[in-house]
């Protein structure tokens, strides 16, 4: 579509979310490395990855698919972070920051979809 990933504000917010998830998950128990830690990190990285992939699309129809999928990943991240909080892997205060970023990224992706 010609709109570079680096030009999309949703992409910047998604990258900030992925970085926050990595920082948050550093404190998870070691035995969760291949469980919740890995799944949460993959989910968080999927958001900016889908935005970047979509930005390289050749048509509007193709491009529209990617922000929608990325937005779905924001909900997955929020669910996994809530699970980590419930399992007491992380404090509620730390969860708030990641939740806020996920909410913002989802809102920005929704706005991007509406603008297309």
N, C-alpha and C. Protein backbone atom coordinates (compact mmCIF):
# COMPACT_ATOMS: atom_id res chain seq x y z
N UNK A 1 0.82 -1.19 0.00
CA UNK A 1 0.00 0.00 0.00
C UNK A 1 0.86 1.25 0.00
N UNK A 2 2.10 1.10 0.28
CA UNK A 2 2.97 2.25 0.23
C UNK A 2 3.12 3.00 1.54
N UNK A 3 2.28 2.71 2.52
CA UNK A 3 2.42 3.40 3.80
C UNK A 3 3.41 2.60 4.65
N UNK A 4 4.57 3.16 4.85
CA UNK A 4 5.64 2.46 5.55
C UNK A 4 5.26 2.21 7.00
N UNK A 5 5.65 1.06 7.48
CA UNK A 5 5.40 0.69 8.87
C UNK A 5 5.88 1.77 9.83
N UNK A 6 7.04 2.32 9.56
CA UNK A 6 7.61 3.33 10.44
C UNK A 6 6.80 4.62 10.49
N UNK A 7 5.93 4.82 9.51
CA UNK A 7 5.09 6.03 9.48
C UNK A 7 3.78 5.85 10.24
N UNK A 8 3.45 4.64 10.61
CA UNK A 8 2.17 4.37 11.27
C UNK A 8 2.31 4.49 12.79
N UNK A 9 1.53 5.37 13.39
CA UNK A 9 1.56 5.53 14.84
C UNK A 9 1.17 4.23 15.55
N UNK A 10 0.25 3.49 14.97
CA UNK A 10 -0.15 2.21 15.56
C UNK A 10 1.05 1.26 15.63
N UNK A 11 1.92 1.34 14.64
CA UNK A 11 3.12 0.51 14.64
C UNK A 11 4.06 0.88 15.76
N UNK A 12 4.21 2.17 16.01
CA UNK A 12 5.06 2.63 17.12
C UNK A 12 4.50 2.17 18.46
N UNK A 13 3.19 2.29 18.63
CA UNK A 13 2.56 1.87 19.88
C UNK A 13 2.69 0.36 20.06
N UNK A 14 2.55 -0.39 18.96
CA UNK A 14 2.67 -1.84 19.03
C UNK A 14 4.09 -2.26 19.41
N UNK A 15 5.08 -1.56 18.90
CA UNK A 15 6.47 -1.86 19.27
C UNK A 15 6.70 -1.56 20.75
N UNK A 16 6.14 -0.45 21.25
CA UNK A 16 6.27 -0.12 22.67
C UNK A 16 5.62 -1.20 23.52
N UNK A 17 4.49 -1.71 23.07
CA UNK A 17 3.81 -2.79 23.80
C UNK A 17 4.68 -4.04 23.84
N UNK A 18 5.24 -4.42 22.71
CA UNK A 18 6.09 -5.62 22.66
C UNK A 18 7.28 -5.48 23.61
N UNK A 19 7.89 -4.30 23.62
CA UNK A 19 9.02 -4.07 24.53
C UNK A 19 8.58 -4.14 25.99
N UNK A 20 7.42 -3.59 26.29
CA UNK A 20 6.90 -3.64 27.67
C UNK A 20 6.58 -5.07 28.10
N UNK A 21 6.07 -5.87 27.17
CA UNK A 21 5.77 -7.27 27.47
C UNK A 21 7.06 -8.03 27.76
N UNK A 22 8.10 -7.79 26.98
CA UNK A 22 9.38 -8.46 27.24
C UNK A 22 9.91 -8.08 28.62
N UNK A 23 9.82 -6.82 28.95
CA UNK A 23 10.30 -6.36 30.26
C UNK A 23 9.47 -6.99 31.39
N UNK A 24 8.15 -6.99 31.23
CA UNK A 24 7.25 -7.55 32.23
C UNK A 24 7.52 -9.04 32.45
N UNK A 25 7.70 -9.76 31.34
CA UNK A 25 7.81 -11.22 31.43
C UNK A 25 9.17 -11.70 31.94
N UNK A 26 10.14 -10.79 32.07
CA UNK A 26 11.43 -11.18 32.63
C UNK A 26 11.30 -11.72 34.05
N UNK A 27 10.28 -11.27 34.76
CA UNK A 27 10.10 -11.68 36.16
C UNK A 27 9.29 -12.96 36.32
N UNK A 28 8.80 -13.53 35.22
CA UNK A 28 8.00 -14.75 35.32
C UNK A 28 8.89 -15.91 35.76
N UNK A 29 8.30 -16.91 36.39
CA UNK A 29 9.09 -18.08 36.82
C UNK A 29 9.79 -18.75 35.62
N UNK A 30 10.96 -19.25 35.87
CA UNK A 30 11.76 -19.90 34.81
C UNK A 30 11.01 -21.06 34.16
N UNK A 31 10.24 -21.79 34.93
CA UNK A 31 9.51 -22.94 34.36
C UNK A 31 8.42 -22.51 33.37
N UNK A 32 8.13 -21.23 33.32
CA UNK A 32 7.14 -20.70 32.38
C UNK A 32 7.77 -20.24 31.06
N UNK A 33 9.07 -20.41 30.91
CA UNK A 33 9.76 -19.93 29.72
C UNK A 33 9.10 -20.43 28.43
N UNK A 34 8.72 -21.71 28.40
CA UNK A 34 8.09 -22.27 27.21
C UNK A 34 6.58 -22.31 27.31
N UNK A 35 6.05 -21.75 28.38
CA UNK A 35 4.60 -21.67 28.58
C UNK A 35 4.12 -20.26 28.36
N UNK A 36 3.65 -19.65 29.43
CA UNK A 36 3.06 -18.33 29.34
C UNK A 36 4.05 -17.27 28.86
N UNK A 37 5.29 -17.34 29.29
CA UNK A 37 6.29 -16.35 28.86
C UNK A 37 6.44 -16.35 27.35
N UNK A 38 6.67 -17.51 26.78
CA UNK A 38 6.85 -17.63 25.35
C UNK A 38 5.60 -17.23 24.57
N UNK A 39 4.45 -17.68 25.04
CA UNK A 39 3.21 -17.37 24.34
C UNK A 39 2.91 -15.87 24.37
N UNK A 40 3.12 -15.25 25.52
CA UNK A 40 2.87 -13.83 25.66
C UNK A 40 3.81 -13.02 24.76
N UNK A 41 5.06 -13.39 24.74
CA UNK A 41 6.02 -12.68 23.90
C UNK A 41 5.70 -12.84 22.42
N UNK A 42 5.33 -14.05 22.00
CA UNK A 42 4.96 -14.27 20.60
C UNK A 42 3.72 -13.45 20.23
N UNK A 43 2.75 -13.42 21.14
CA UNK A 43 1.53 -12.65 20.88
C UNK A 43 1.85 -11.17 20.74
N UNK A 44 2.67 -10.65 21.63
CA UNK A 44 3.02 -9.23 21.59
C UNK A 44 3.79 -8.88 20.32
N UNK A 45 4.70 -9.74 19.90
CA UNK A 45 5.48 -9.48 18.68
C UNK A 45 4.64 -9.63 17.41
N UNK A 46 3.55 -10.38 17.51
CA UNK A 46 2.68 -10.55 16.36
C UNK A 46 1.97 -9.25 15.98
N UNK A 47 1.76 -8.38 16.94
CA UNK A 47 1.04 -7.13 16.67
C UNK A 47 1.84 -6.24 15.71
N UNK A 48 3.07 -5.81 16.06
CA UNK A 48 3.80 -4.99 15.10
C UNK A 48 4.18 -5.76 13.83
N UNK A 49 4.34 -7.06 13.95
CA UNK A 49 4.68 -7.85 12.76
C UNK A 49 3.55 -7.82 11.74
N UNK A 50 2.31 -7.95 12.20
CA UNK A 50 1.17 -7.89 11.28
C UNK A 50 1.01 -6.49 10.68
N UNK A 51 1.26 -5.47 11.47
CA UNK A 51 1.17 -4.11 10.95
C UNK A 51 2.23 -3.91 9.87
N UNK A 52 3.44 -4.36 10.12
CA UNK A 52 4.52 -4.23 9.14
C UNK A 52 4.20 -5.01 7.87
N UNK A 53 3.72 -6.23 8.05
CA UNK A 53 3.38 -7.04 6.88
C UNK A 53 2.27 -6.39 6.06
N UNK A 54 1.26 -5.86 6.74
CA UNK A 54 0.17 -5.20 6.05
C UNK A 54 0.61 -3.96 5.30
N UNK A 55 1.57 -3.25 5.87
CA UNK A 55 2.02 -2.01 5.22
C UNK A 55 2.73 -2.26 3.90
N UNK A 56 3.11 -3.51 3.68
CA UNK A 56 3.77 -3.85 2.41
C UNK A 56 2.80 -4.43 1.39
N UNK A 57 1.51 -4.42 1.71
CA UNK A 57 0.50 -4.98 0.81
C UNK A 57 0.38 -4.20 -0.47
N UNK A 58 -0.10 -4.87 -1.50
CA UNK A 58 -0.25 -4.26 -2.81
C UNK A 58 -1.63 -3.67 -3.05
N UNK A 59 -2.60 -4.02 -2.19
CA UNK A 59 -3.95 -3.51 -2.39
C UNK A 59 -4.58 -3.15 -1.05
N UNK A 60 -5.59 -2.29 -1.11
CA UNK A 60 -6.29 -1.87 0.10
C UNK A 60 -6.98 -3.06 0.77
N UNK A 61 -7.58 -3.92 -0.03
CA UNK A 61 -8.26 -5.09 0.52
C UNK A 61 -7.31 -5.99 1.29
N UNK A 62 -6.14 -6.19 0.73
CA UNK A 62 -5.12 -7.02 1.40
C UNK A 62 -4.62 -6.32 2.66
N UNK A 63 -4.39 -5.02 2.56
CA UNK A 63 -3.89 -4.25 3.70
C UNK A 63 -4.85 -4.29 4.88
N UNK A 64 -6.15 -4.19 4.61
CA UNK A 64 -7.17 -4.12 5.67
C UNK A 64 -7.17 -5.35 6.59
N UNK A 65 -6.77 -6.48 6.06
CA UNK A 65 -6.78 -7.71 6.85
C UNK A 65 -5.81 -7.64 8.03
N UNK A 66 -4.67 -7.04 7.80
CA UNK A 66 -3.59 -7.10 8.79
C UNK A 66 -3.84 -6.30 10.06
N UNK A 67 -4.33 -5.06 9.99
CA UNK A 67 -4.63 -4.34 11.24
C UNK A 67 -5.72 -5.04 12.06
N UNK A 68 -6.67 -5.67 11.37
CA UNK A 68 -7.72 -6.40 12.09
C UNK A 68 -7.16 -7.57 12.86
N UNK A 69 -6.28 -8.31 12.23
CA UNK A 69 -5.63 -9.44 12.91
C UNK A 69 -4.76 -8.94 14.06
N UNK A 70 -4.01 -7.88 13.80
CA UNK A 70 -3.15 -7.30 14.84
C UNK A 70 -3.97 -6.86 16.04
N UNK A 71 -5.13 -6.27 15.77
CA UNK A 71 -6.01 -5.83 16.87
C UNK A 71 -6.45 -7.03 17.71
N UNK A 72 -6.73 -8.14 17.07
CA UNK A 72 -7.09 -9.35 17.82
C UNK A 72 -5.98 -9.80 18.74
N UNK A 73 -4.74 -9.65 18.30
CA UNK A 73 -3.60 -10.03 19.14
C UNK A 73 -3.52 -9.16 20.40
N UNK A 74 -3.99 -7.91 20.31
CA UNK A 74 -3.96 -7.06 21.52
C UNK A 74 -4.84 -7.65 22.61
N UNK A 75 -5.95 -8.26 22.21
CA UNK A 75 -6.83 -8.90 23.19
C UNK A 75 -6.19 -10.15 23.77
N UNK A 76 -5.47 -10.86 22.94
CA UNK A 76 -4.77 -12.05 23.43
C UNK A 76 -3.71 -11.64 24.46
N UNK A 77 -2.97 -10.59 24.18
CA UNK A 77 -1.95 -10.10 25.12
C UNK A 77 -2.62 -9.71 26.44
N UNK A 78 -3.72 -8.98 26.36
CA UNK A 78 -4.40 -8.56 27.59
C UNK A 78 -4.87 -9.76 28.41
N UNK A 79 -5.37 -10.79 27.74
CA UNK A 79 -5.82 -12.00 28.43
C UNK A 79 -4.65 -12.71 29.10
N UNK A 80 -3.53 -12.81 28.41
CA UNK A 80 -2.36 -13.50 28.96
C UNK A 80 -1.75 -12.72 30.12
N UNK A 81 -1.74 -11.40 30.02
CA UNK A 81 -1.22 -10.58 31.12
C UNK A 81 -2.13 -10.71 32.34
N UNK A 82 -3.42 -10.78 32.09
CA UNK A 82 -4.36 -10.98 33.21
C UNK A 82 -4.11 -12.33 33.88
N UNK A 83 -3.84 -13.35 33.08
CA UNK A 83 -3.52 -14.67 33.63
C UNK A 83 -2.26 -14.61 34.48
N UNK A 84 -1.25 -13.90 33.99
CA UNK A 84 0.00 -13.76 34.74
C UNK A 84 -0.26 -13.06 36.08
N UNK A 85 -1.11 -12.05 36.06
CA UNK A 85 -1.47 -11.36 37.31
C UNK A 85 -2.21 -12.31 38.26
N UNK A 86 -3.18 -13.05 37.73
CA UNK A 86 -3.95 -13.98 38.56
C UNK A 86 -3.07 -15.08 39.15
N UNK A 87 -2.04 -15.47 38.42
CA UNK A 87 -1.10 -16.49 38.90
C UNK A 87 -0.03 -15.89 39.81
N UNK A 88 -0.10 -14.59 40.01
CA UNK A 88 0.82 -13.84 40.87
C UNK A 88 2.26 -13.86 40.36
N UNK A 89 2.41 -13.91 39.02
CA UNK A 89 3.73 -13.79 38.41
C UNK A 89 4.18 -12.34 38.36
N UNK A 90 3.22 -11.43 38.47
CA UNK A 90 3.50 -10.01 38.32
C UNK A 90 2.48 -9.22 39.13
N UNK A 91 2.89 -8.04 39.58
CA UNK A 91 2.01 -7.22 40.41
C UNK A 91 0.93 -6.53 39.56
N UNK A 92 -0.21 -6.23 40.17
CA UNK A 92 -1.27 -5.52 39.45
C UNK A 92 -0.81 -4.17 38.90
N UNK A 93 0.10 -3.50 39.58
CA UNK A 93 0.59 -2.20 39.11
C UNK A 93 1.33 -2.34 37.78
N UNK A 94 2.15 -3.38 37.67
CA UNK A 94 2.90 -3.59 36.44
C UNK A 94 1.97 -3.99 35.29
N UNK A 95 0.91 -4.69 35.62
CA UNK A 95 -0.06 -5.11 34.61
C UNK A 95 -0.74 -3.90 33.99
N UNK A 96 -1.02 -2.88 34.79
CA UNK A 96 -1.74 -1.70 34.32
C UNK A 96 -1.02 -1.04 33.13
N UNK A 97 0.29 -0.91 33.22
CA UNK A 97 1.04 -0.29 32.14
C UNK A 97 0.92 -1.04 30.83
N UNK A 98 1.04 -2.35 30.90
CA UNK A 98 0.95 -3.18 29.69
C UNK A 98 -0.49 -3.16 29.16
N UNK A 99 -1.45 -3.23 30.06
CA UNK A 99 -2.86 -3.17 29.65
C UNK A 99 -3.14 -1.85 28.94
N UNK A 100 -2.61 -0.76 29.48
CA UNK A 100 -2.81 0.55 28.87
C UNK A 100 -2.24 0.61 27.47
N UNK A 101 -1.03 0.10 27.29
CA UNK A 101 -0.42 0.08 25.95
C UNK A 101 -1.21 -0.81 24.99
N UNK A 102 -1.67 -1.96 25.46
CA UNK A 102 -2.46 -2.86 24.62
C UNK A 102 -3.78 -2.20 24.21
N UNK A 103 -4.39 -1.51 25.16
CA UNK A 103 -5.65 -0.82 24.87
C UNK A 103 -5.42 0.29 23.84
N UNK A 104 -4.37 1.06 24.03
CA UNK A 104 -4.04 2.14 23.09
C UNK A 104 -3.75 1.59 21.69
N UNK A 105 -2.96 0.52 21.63
CA UNK A 105 -2.63 -0.08 20.33
C UNK A 105 -3.90 -0.57 19.65
N UNK A 106 -4.77 -1.23 20.40
CA UNK A 106 -6.04 -1.71 19.84
C UNK A 106 -6.91 -0.57 19.33
N UNK A 107 -6.96 0.50 20.09
CA UNK A 107 -7.75 1.68 19.70
C UNK A 107 -7.18 2.31 18.42
N UNK A 108 -5.86 2.40 18.36
CA UNK A 108 -5.23 2.97 17.17
C UNK A 108 -5.44 2.09 15.95
N UNK A 109 -5.41 0.79 16.14
CA UNK A 109 -5.65 -0.12 15.02
C UNK A 109 -7.09 -0.03 14.55
N UNK A 110 -8.01 0.11 15.48
CA UNK A 110 -9.41 0.30 15.12
C UNK A 110 -9.58 1.58 14.30
N UNK A 111 -8.96 2.66 14.77
CA UNK A 111 -9.04 3.93 14.04
C UNK A 111 -8.42 3.80 12.65
N UNK A 112 -7.33 3.08 12.54
CA UNK A 112 -6.70 2.85 11.24
C UNK A 112 -7.66 2.12 10.33
N UNK A 113 -8.31 1.07 10.83
CA UNK A 113 -9.26 0.33 10.03
C UNK A 113 -10.43 1.21 9.59
N UNK A 114 -10.92 2.03 10.49
CA UNK A 114 -12.04 2.91 10.16
C UNK A 114 -11.66 3.95 9.12
N UNK A 115 -10.39 4.33 9.09
CA UNK A 115 -9.96 5.36 8.14
C UNK A 115 -9.76 4.81 6.72
N UNK A 116 -9.73 3.49 6.59
CA UNK A 116 -9.47 2.90 5.27
C UNK A 116 -10.74 2.79 4.44
